[in-house]
Protein backbone atom coordinates (compact mmCIF):
# COMPACT_ATOMS: atom_id res chain seq x y z
CA MET A 1 18.14 -21.47 15.22
CA LYS A 2 16.09 -17.70 13.07
CA PHE A 3 15.38 -17.03 9.65
CA ILE A 4 13.77 -14.21 8.17
CA HIS A 5 11.02 -13.99 5.19
CA ALA A 6 10.82 -10.81 3.38
CA ALA A 7 8.93 -10.24 0.32
CA ASP A 8 8.45 -7.43 -2.59
CA ILE A 9 11.41 -5.34 -1.04
CA HIS A 10 11.03 -3.21 -4.59
CA LEU A 11 14.35 -1.87 -4.16
CA ASP A 12 14.74 1.56 -5.41
CA SER A 13 10.86 2.04 -6.19
CA PRO A 14 10.15 5.73 -5.79
CA LEU A 15 7.57 6.24 -2.86
CA THR A 16 4.57 8.35 -4.88
CA GLY A 17 2.36 10.99 -3.90
CA LEU A 18 4.91 13.65 -1.99
CA GLN A 19 7.02 15.00 -5.15
CA LYS A 20 4.93 17.25 -6.01
CA TYR A 21 5.12 18.93 -2.44
CA ASP A 22 7.17 22.30 -1.55
CA GLY A 23 9.10 21.23 1.63
CA ALA A 24 8.78 17.69 1.03
CA PRO A 25 12.30 15.16 1.87
CA VAL A 26 13.22 14.17 -1.49
CA GLU A 27 16.20 12.52 -0.78
CA GLU A 28 13.89 10.73 2.33
CA ILE A 29 11.46 10.05 -0.23
CA ARG A 30 13.92 8.53 -2.72
CA VAL A 31 16.57 6.38 -0.90
CA ALA A 32 13.71 5.04 1.70
CA SER A 33 13.63 1.88 0.03
CA ARG A 34 17.30 1.39 0.82
CA ARG A 35 17.50 2.47 4.10
CA ALA A 36 14.35 -0.11 4.78
CA PHE A 37 16.53 -2.62 3.52
CA GLN A 38 19.74 -1.79 5.30
CA ASN A 39 17.59 -2.32 7.96
CA LEU A 40 17.09 -5.97 7.33
CA VAL A 41 20.45 -6.78 6.52
CA GLU A 42 21.15 -5.63 10.30
CA LEU A 43 17.91 -7.14 12.26
CA ALA A 44 19.97 -10.86 10.46
CA VAL A 45 22.48 -9.73 11.64
CA SER A 46 21.38 -8.67 15.35
CA GLU A 47 19.07 -11.62 15.31
CA LYS A 48 22.20 -14.15 14.51
CA ALA A 49 19.44 -15.50 11.23
CA TYR A 50 21.02 -18.62 9.61
CA PHE A 51 19.62 -17.67 6.45
CA ILE A 52 16.52 -14.95 4.53
CA LEU A 53 14.05 -15.54 2.35
CA ILE A 54 13.34 -12.92 -0.09
CA ALA A 55 9.90 -13.74 -2.21
CA GLY A 56 9.61 -12.35 -4.78
CA ASP A 57 10.40 -8.98 -6.28
CA LEU A 58 13.19 -7.80 -5.09
CA TYR A 59 13.79 -5.19 -8.01
CA ASP A 60 11.35 -2.71 -8.83
CA GLY A 61 11.63 -3.95 -12.91
CA ASP A 62 14.72 -2.11 -14.86
CA TRP A 63 16.67 -0.42 -13.22
CA LYS A 64 18.06 3.50 -13.93
CA ASP A 65 21.43 2.55 -13.46
CA TYR A 66 23.97 0.71 -12.04
CA ASN A 67 23.79 1.83 -8.51
CA THR A 68 21.09 -0.26 -7.47
CA GLY A 69 23.57 -3.43 -7.99
CA LEU A 70 26.11 -2.23 -6.50
CA PHE A 71 24.20 -1.37 -3.53
CA LEU A 72 22.93 -4.81 -3.27
CA SER A 73 26.11 -6.60 -3.93
CA SER A 74 27.39 -4.32 -0.97
CA GLN A 75 24.46 -5.44 1.27
CA MET A 76 24.82 -9.57 0.41
CA SER A 77 28.28 -8.91 0.82
CA ARG A 78 27.71 -7.18 4.33
CA LEU A 79 25.88 -10.65 5.24
CA ARG A 80 28.55 -13.18 3.17
CA GLU A 81 30.67 -11.38 6.96
CA GLU A 82 28.26 -12.84 8.86
CA GLY A 83 27.86 -16.24 7.14
CA ILE A 84 24.16 -15.75 6.17
CA LYS A 85 22.79 -17.10 3.32
CA VAL A 86 20.09 -15.90 1.70
CA PHE A 87 17.80 -17.71 -0.95
CA ILE A 88 15.47 -15.31 -3.44
CA ILE A 89 12.65 -16.78 -6.20
CA ALA A 90 12.55 -13.70 -9.07
CA GLY A 91 8.65 -12.09 -9.03
CA ASN A 92 7.07 -10.32 -11.22
CA HIS A 93 8.80 -7.40 -10.95
CA ASP A 94 12.08 -9.05 -10.76
CA ALA A 95 11.02 -11.10 -14.64
CA ALA A 96 10.56 -7.51 -16.41
CA SER A 97 14.11 -6.48 -15.76
CA GLN A 98 16.57 -7.31 -18.11
CA ILE A 99 19.77 -4.84 -16.34
CA THR A 100 19.05 -7.58 -13.33
CA LYS A 101 19.81 -11.09 -15.77
CA HIS A 102 23.61 -10.50 -16.23
CA LEU A 103 24.80 -8.76 -12.47
CA ARG A 104 26.48 -11.29 -10.24
CA MET A 105 25.78 -11.94 -6.24
CA PRO A 106 28.34 -13.27 -3.46
CA ASP A 107 28.48 -16.50 -3.04
CA ASN A 108 26.23 -16.15 -0.56
CA VAL A 109 23.22 -15.30 -2.18
CA LYS A 110 21.05 -18.41 -4.36
CA ASN A 111 18.47 -17.49 -6.76
CA LEU A 112 16.07 -20.55 -7.75
CA SER A 113 15.37 -21.66 -10.53
CA VAL A 114 12.28 -20.05 -12.80
CA LYS A 115 12.72 -23.54 -15.26
CA SER A 116 10.94 -25.64 -12.35
CA THR A 117 10.69 -25.41 -9.26
CA GLU A 118 14.20 -26.20 -7.13
CA THR A 119 15.18 -27.09 -3.62
CA VAL A 120 17.93 -26.19 -1.55
CA ILE A 121 19.07 -28.55 0.91
CA LEU A 122 20.62 -27.23 4.09
CA ASP A 123 22.16 -30.62 5.65
CA GLU A 124 23.71 -28.72 8.78
CA LEU A 125 20.26 -27.15 10.07
CA GLY A 126 17.72 -29.95 8.44
CA VAL A 127 16.42 -28.02 6.21
CA ALA A 128 15.42 -27.96 2.78
CA ILE A 129 13.49 -24.92 1.19
CA HIS A 130 10.90 -25.38 -2.30
CA GLY A 131 10.56 -22.54 -4.44
CA ARG A 132 10.17 -21.79 -8.51
CA GLY A 133 10.40 -17.99 -10.20
CA TYR A 134 8.95 -16.05 -12.13
CA TYR A 135 9.77 -16.97 -15.78
CA ALA A 136 8.12 -13.89 -17.60
CA ARG A 137 5.81 -11.16 -15.78
CA ALA A 138 2.81 -12.16 -16.10
CA ILE A 139 2.32 -16.05 -14.07
CA ILE A 140 -0.98 -17.39 -14.71
CA GLU A 141 -0.79 -21.08 -13.86
CA ASP A 142 -0.90 -22.63 -10.56
CA LEU A 143 2.70 -23.34 -9.54
CA VAL A 144 2.66 -25.33 -6.69
CA ALA A 145 1.27 -28.59 -9.07
CA GLY A 146 5.76 -28.58 -9.36
CA TYR A 147 6.09 -28.66 -5.90
CA PRO A 148 7.32 -32.05 -4.76
CA GLN A 149 6.42 -33.23 -1.45
CA ALA A 150 7.88 -32.45 1.55
CA LEU A 151 10.93 -34.25 2.97
CA PRO A 152 11.05 -36.76 5.37
CA HIS A 153 13.39 -35.61 8.32
CA TYR A 154 13.19 -32.00 7.51
CA LEU A 155 11.80 -29.11 8.41
CA ASN A 156 9.78 -28.33 4.93
CA ILE A 157 9.45 -23.90 3.81
CA GLY A 158 8.26 -23.39 0.46
CA LEU A 159 8.91 -20.02 -0.85
CA LEU A 160 5.79 -18.53 -3.40
CA HIS A 161 5.41 -15.88 -5.20
CA THR A 162 1.77 -15.98 -5.55
CA SER A 163 -1.76 -14.24 -5.57
CA LEU A 164 -3.23 -17.11 -3.72
CA ASP A 165 -6.57 -16.91 -4.44
CA GLY A 166 -7.29 -13.60 -4.86
CA ARG A 167 -6.15 -10.04 -3.26
CA GLU A 168 -7.29 -6.57 -3.49
CA GLY A 169 -4.83 -4.13 -5.28
CA HIS A 170 -3.19 -7.02 -6.96
CA GLU A 171 -2.57 -8.79 -9.97
CA PRO A 172 -4.34 -12.26 -9.61
CA TYR A 173 -0.64 -14.26 -10.54
CA ALA A 174 0.55 -17.74 -9.89
CA PRO A 175 -3.15 -18.45 -8.22
CA THR A 176 -3.62 -21.62 -5.98
CA THR A 177 -5.47 -21.82 -3.10
CA ILE A 178 -4.75 -22.89 0.67
CA GLN A 179 -5.42 -26.48 -0.21
CA SER A 180 -3.13 -26.66 -2.76
CA LEU A 181 -0.84 -25.39 -0.60
CA LEU A 182 -1.46 -27.46 2.91
CA SER A 183 -1.44 -30.72 0.42
CA LYS A 184 2.29 -30.82 0.05
CA GLY A 185 2.95 -31.41 3.81
CA TYR A 186 5.61 -28.74 4.57
CA ASP A 187 5.93 -26.51 7.21
CA TYR A 188 6.10 -22.66 6.43
CA TRP A 189 5.07 -20.90 2.89
CA ALA A 190 7.03 -18.24 2.50
CA LEU A 191 5.05 -15.50 0.52
CA GLY A 192 5.36 -12.96 -1.51
CA HIS A 193 2.91 -10.29 -3.89
CA VAL A 194 0.66 -9.77 -1.59
CA HIS A 195 1.88 -5.83 0.26
CA LYS A 196 -0.27 -5.92 3.34
CA ARG A 197 0.76 -8.96 5.94
CA GLU A 198 -1.18 -11.56 6.37
CA VAL A 199 -0.94 -14.46 8.86
CA VAL A 200 -3.04 -16.99 6.68
CA CYS A 201 -2.90 -20.46 8.17
CA LYS A 202 -1.56 -21.51 11.14
CA GLU A 203 -0.94 -25.23 11.13
CA PRO A 204 1.48 -25.65 9.20
CA TRP A 205 2.38 -21.43 8.81
CA VAL A 206 1.41 -19.83 5.35
CA ILE A 207 2.00 -16.03 5.69
CA PHE A 208 2.39 -12.99 3.44
CA PRO A 209 5.36 -11.04 5.48
CA GLY A 210 3.94 -7.41 3.32
CA ASN A 211 6.41 -5.57 1.56
CA ILE A 212 9.30 -3.89 4.13
CA GLN A 213 8.61 0.42 2.81
CA GLY A 214 5.41 1.36 2.27
CA ARG A 215 5.47 2.82 -0.94
CA HIS A 216 1.70 5.19 -1.57
CA VAL A 217 -1.02 5.81 0.64
CA ARG A 218 -2.68 1.86 -0.30
CA GLU A 219 0.25 0.52 1.28
CA LEU A 220 -0.50 1.68 4.92
CA GLY A 221 0.40 0.92 8.57
CA PRO A 222 3.90 -0.38 9.56
CA LYS A 223 6.39 -2.58 6.95
CA GLY A 224 7.83 -5.19 7.85
CA CYS A 225 9.79 -8.57 7.92
CA THR A 226 8.68 -12.06 9.86
CA LEU A 227 11.32 -13.06 11.71
CA VAL A 228 11.02 -17.33 12.28
CA SER A 229 11.85 -19.38 15.53
CA ILE A 230 12.96 -23.04 15.44
CA ASP A 231 13.05 -25.61 17.27
CA ASP A 232 13.90 -28.37 17.70
CA GLY A 233 12.86 -29.29 13.90
CA HIS A 234 9.85 -27.62 14.47
CA ILE A 235 8.42 -23.94 13.56
CA ALA A 236 8.39 -22.67 17.95
CA CYS A 237 7.38 -18.70 16.46
CA THR A 238 6.71 -16.27 14.00
CA GLU A 239 6.85 -11.86 14.49
CA HIS A 240 6.96 -9.63 13.03
CA ARG A 241 9.46 -7.19 13.24
CA ASP A 242 8.81 -3.14 10.92
CA LEU A 243 11.60 -2.16 8.21
CA ASP A 244 10.04 0.60 7.27
CA VAL A 245 11.61 4.38 7.94
CA MET A 246 9.11 6.36 6.31
CA ARG A 247 4.92 5.11 7.14
CA TRP A 248 2.01 6.43 6.09
CA ILE A 249 -1.20 7.11 7.47
CA VAL A 250 -4.75 8.36 6.91
CA ILE A 251 -6.32 10.17 9.20
CA PHE A 252 -10.65 10.42 9.25
CA MET A 253 -12.07 13.72 10.65
CA ASP A 254 -15.52 14.80 11.59
CA ALA A 255 -16.24 18.33 10.60
CA ARG A 256 -19.19 17.20 12.70
CA GLN A 257 -17.65 18.17 15.63
CA MET A 258 -15.98 21.79 14.40
CA SER A 259 -18.13 25.09 15.16
CA SER A 260 -15.42 27.00 13.82
CA VAL A 261 -12.07 27.10 11.83
CA GLU A 262 -10.42 27.09 14.98
CA ASP A 263 -11.86 23.87 15.90
CA LEU A 264 -10.17 22.97 12.95
CA ARG A 265 -6.67 23.88 13.89
CA GLU A 266 -6.87 22.31 16.61
CA GLN A 267 -8.22 18.62 15.43
CA VAL A 268 -5.83 18.69 13.15
CA SER A 269 -3.39 19.12 16.04
CA ASP A 270 -4.18 16.67 18.13
CA ASN A 271 -4.74 13.99 15.30
CA LEU A 272 -1.41 14.89 14.21
CA THR A 273 0.36 14.60 17.81
CA ARG A 274 -1.38 11.14 18.41
CA ALA A 275 -0.43 9.60 15.51
CA ILE A 276 3.07 10.98 15.92
CA MET A 277 3.14 9.46 19.64
CA GLU A 278 1.48 6.09 18.00
CA ASN A 279 4.53 5.66 15.41
CA GLN A 280 7.18 6.26 17.61
CA GLY A 281 7.78 9.08 16.17
CA MET A 282 8.56 7.68 12.95
CA PRO A 283 8.44 10.34 9.19
CA LEU A 284 5.26 9.85 8.57
CA ALA A 285 3.46 10.59 5.23
CA MET A 286 -0.24 11.66 5.57
CA ARG A 287 -3.59 12.15 4.36
CA LEU A 288 -6.36 13.47 5.66
CA GLU A 289 -9.89 12.83 5.27
CA ILE A 290 -12.72 15.89 6.59
CA THR A 291 -16.29 14.04 6.46
CA GLY A 292 -19.58 15.63 7.46
CA PRO A 293 -21.79 17.74 7.95
CA SER A 294 -20.50 20.81 9.46
CA LYS A 295 -20.60 24.94 10.64
CA VAL A 296 -16.89 25.83 8.53
CA HIS A 297 -17.55 24.16 5.52
CA ARG A 298 -18.86 27.70 4.10
CA GLU A 299 -15.59 29.05 5.29
CA LEU A 300 -13.76 26.21 3.82
CA LEU A 301 -15.06 26.49 0.60
CA ALA A 302 -14.52 29.77 0.13
CA ASP A 303 -11.12 29.34 0.11
CA PRO A 304 -9.90 25.49 -0.26
CA ASP A 305 -6.35 26.62 -1.05
CA HIS A 306 -5.79 28.31 1.66
CA TRP A 307 -7.01 26.24 4.44
CA LYS A 308 -5.26 23.45 2.77
CA ASN A 309 -1.96 25.13 3.28
CA GLU A 310 -3.21 26.12 7.09
CA ILE A 311 -3.61 22.91 7.88
CA ARG A 312 0.38 21.65 6.34
CA ALA A 313 1.42 24.33 8.25
CA VAL A 314 -0.15 22.78 11.43
CA ALA A 315 1.40 19.05 10.19
CA THR A 316 4.57 21.59 10.42
CA ASP A 317 4.85 23.30 13.16
CA VAL A 318 3.17 20.16 14.96
CA SER A 319 5.95 17.49 14.26
CA GLY A 320 9.33 20.03 13.68
CA GLY A 321 8.92 18.56 10.14
CA THR A 322 8.80 15.13 10.07
CA THR A 323 5.34 14.84 9.13
CA TRP A 324 3.93 15.83 5.64
CA ILE A 325 0.61 16.02 3.94
CA GLU A 326 0.50 14.25 0.72
CA LYS A 327 -3.21 14.76 0.46
CA ILE A 328 -6.66 16.47 1.91
CA ARG A 329 -9.68 15.60 1.14
CA VAL A 330 -12.57 17.52 2.10
CA ASN A 331 -16.01 15.53 1.43
CA THR A 332 -18.45 17.89 3.98
CA SER A 333 -21.19 20.13 3.53
CA ASP A 334 -23.66 22.57 4.51
CA MET A 335 -25.31 21.83 7.96
CA LEU A 336 -29.35 22.52 5.92
CA ASP A 337 -32.22 20.65 5.70
CA PHE A 338 -32.55 19.75 2.11
CA ASP A 339 -35.79 18.34 2.75
CA SER A 340 -37.29 21.90 4.34
CA ILE A 341 -35.61 23.12 0.50
CA ALA A 342 -36.66 20.72 -1.28
CA ALA A 343 -40.35 20.94 -0.72
CA LYS A 344 -40.35 24.49 -1.67
CA SER A 345 -42.22 25.28 -4.79
CA ASP A 346 -39.81 28.93 -5.34
CA ALA A 347 -36.97 28.66 -7.88
CA ILE A 348 -34.60 27.01 -5.21
CA GLY A 349 -36.74 24.79 -4.64
CA GLU A 350 -37.10 23.06 -8.06
CA LEU A 351 -33.89 23.23 -8.24
CA MET A 352 -33.15 21.41 -5.77
CA LYS A 353 -35.79 19.10 -6.88
CA SER A 354 -34.29 18.42 -9.88
CA MET A 355 -31.16 17.30 -8.94
CA ASP A 356 -32.44 14.95 -6.40
CA ASP A 357 -34.49 13.22 -9.50
CA LEU A 358 -31.25 12.85 -10.81
CA SER A 359 -29.40 11.38 -7.70
CA ASN A 360 -31.84 9.37 -7.11
CA ASN A 361 -33.28 8.13 -10.14
CA ASP A 362 -31.33 4.95 -12.07
CA SER A 363 -32.53 5.60 -15.37
CA LEU A 364 -32.07 8.88 -15.55
CA LEU A 365 -28.47 8.09 -14.11
CA GLN A 366 -27.94 5.33 -16.45
CA ALA A 367 -28.46 7.80 -19.25
CA ALA A 368 -26.28 10.64 -18.10
CA VAL A 369 -23.29 7.76 -18.61
CA GLU A 370 -24.25 7.20 -21.78
CA THR A 371 -24.34 11.13 -22.14
CA LEU A 372 -21.06 11.41 -21.22
CA LYS A 373 -19.62 8.22 -22.76
CA ASP A 374 -17.84 10.35 -25.59
CA LEU A 375 -16.07 12.66 -22.64
CA ASN A 376 -15.07 9.65 -20.93
CA GLN A 377 -13.20 7.49 -24.05
CA ARG A 378 -11.14 11.55 -24.24
CA LEU A 379 -10.49 11.71 -21.20
CA PRO A 380 -6.58 11.77 -20.84
CA HIS A 381 -4.96 8.40 -19.33
CA GLU A 382 -4.04 10.02 -16.43
CA LEU A 383 -7.00 11.00 -15.42
CA LYS A 384 -8.81 7.32 -15.74
CA THR A 385 -5.63 5.55 -13.35
CA GLY A 386 -4.82 5.60 -8.94
CA ASP A 387 -5.69 6.43 -6.92
CA ASP A 388 -7.98 9.39 -7.70
CA ALA A 389 -9.28 7.83 -10.79
CA LEU A 390 -12.12 9.05 -12.71
CA ASN A 391 -14.76 6.96 -14.81
CA LEU A 392 -17.65 8.38 -15.61
CA GLU A 393 -19.15 5.21 -17.14
CA ASP A 394 -19.59 4.23 -13.35
CA PRO A 395 -23.55 5.59 -11.80
CA ALA A 396 -22.13 6.24 -8.70
CA ILE A 397 -19.57 8.24 -9.52
CA ILE A 398 -21.93 10.34 -11.17
CA LYS A 399 -24.26 10.26 -8.26
CA ASN A 400 -21.76 11.15 -5.71
CA SER A 401 -21.14 13.78 -8.50
CA VAL A 402 -24.33 15.25 -8.72
CA GLU A 403 -24.10 15.15 -4.53
CA ARG A 404 -21.41 16.79 -4.59
CA VAL A 405 -22.47 19.56 -7.29
CA ARG A 406 -25.77 19.60 -4.69
CA GLN A 407 -23.54 20.62 -1.41
CA TYR A 408 -22.19 23.11 -3.49
CA VAL A 409 -24.43 25.14 -5.32
CA MET A 410 -26.43 25.48 -1.95
CA SER A 411 -24.05 26.57 -0.52
CA ARG A 412 -23.40 29.05 -2.55
CA ILE A 413 -26.31 30.37 -3.46
CA LEU A 414 -26.85 31.15 0.81
CA SER A 415 -23.56 32.29 1.37
CA LYS A 416 -25.37 35.00 -0.81
CA GLY A 417 -27.89 35.65 1.71
CA THR A 418 -30.93 33.74 -0.31
CA GLU A 419 -33.79 33.40 1.89
CA LEU A 420 -34.92 29.54 2.57
């Protein structure tokens, strides 16, 4: 017997980071979560799964219209035709939805209670499923305390949307410990909320399957579900199955290996070709990060927009239009001996020493933070959130900015022919 454990579907959630890029596959981006969900349904049918567990966040909050519900209902009906049941608990995003509270699903779909832990017994399979959904968006209590002990003579499964003991990038909802989970005596814990796949424990199995479709650059690599096989009333094996239809990756390139801009083009082409092969030709949304001292630094600095478009053109050529560059970060530096420059007694040496003093003096950095505090408060909200958030109250960010300014100023001065 087999069942499927999935979580964090976030149906109709948009992929972010590509819409602003000319040539991005807007329609493919828009329907990515639906296509991944269709892959989930087809996997259940092809593997003859007896049931699917969805451990929260089936939705992404309120829908824009009822098309989301109509699509979901059609997929659940497809599963009903194959005799496949679906058991769902509400996660924090589901709890925020108002429309879905009034949507009627086919009778093969069971939403477990949000008021208390509910147990569903499948006598014909010898399986007991225990779970509880979120009644509100932010649950800060340990819900595991309300789960019953394992029922004897059944294979017991716990269904829970939780941060466990904390996971980076995820709100600490329904916190609990692995010891609390193990104390219940279940054979399998089907967890949700954390978007990165993680096998927390194998005896018994405690698994975050991750979300089924990466939505931005912080959700990298293959995404999918866990297929679980049961033999003679015991978990025989678990395996990850990919469901995603577009994949996010980050490629790091060492600029020290680039002697010319032609080397840059070749490295981009080689890295993209390798990434496409490693991901079996799947459409890729990609971030490139080019770092390190390099002979091409001044040329890149002179016209960054030109070179970013050159790189995007290489990506289009290599992939035939199936790979899109979400962002290009160029953190290169000139191949200069800054210590020797700072040791000179001329104006450039004094400028270098003053920037070094600011960068390496904690009290000066803190003074800079105090000076910038008012500006930080006036920054628009969108500049202080997201992947590239700017926080002028963080000395580390000030220090990094000083280093970048130093690189920029010295490169521009020296590119004008100033003697060292």
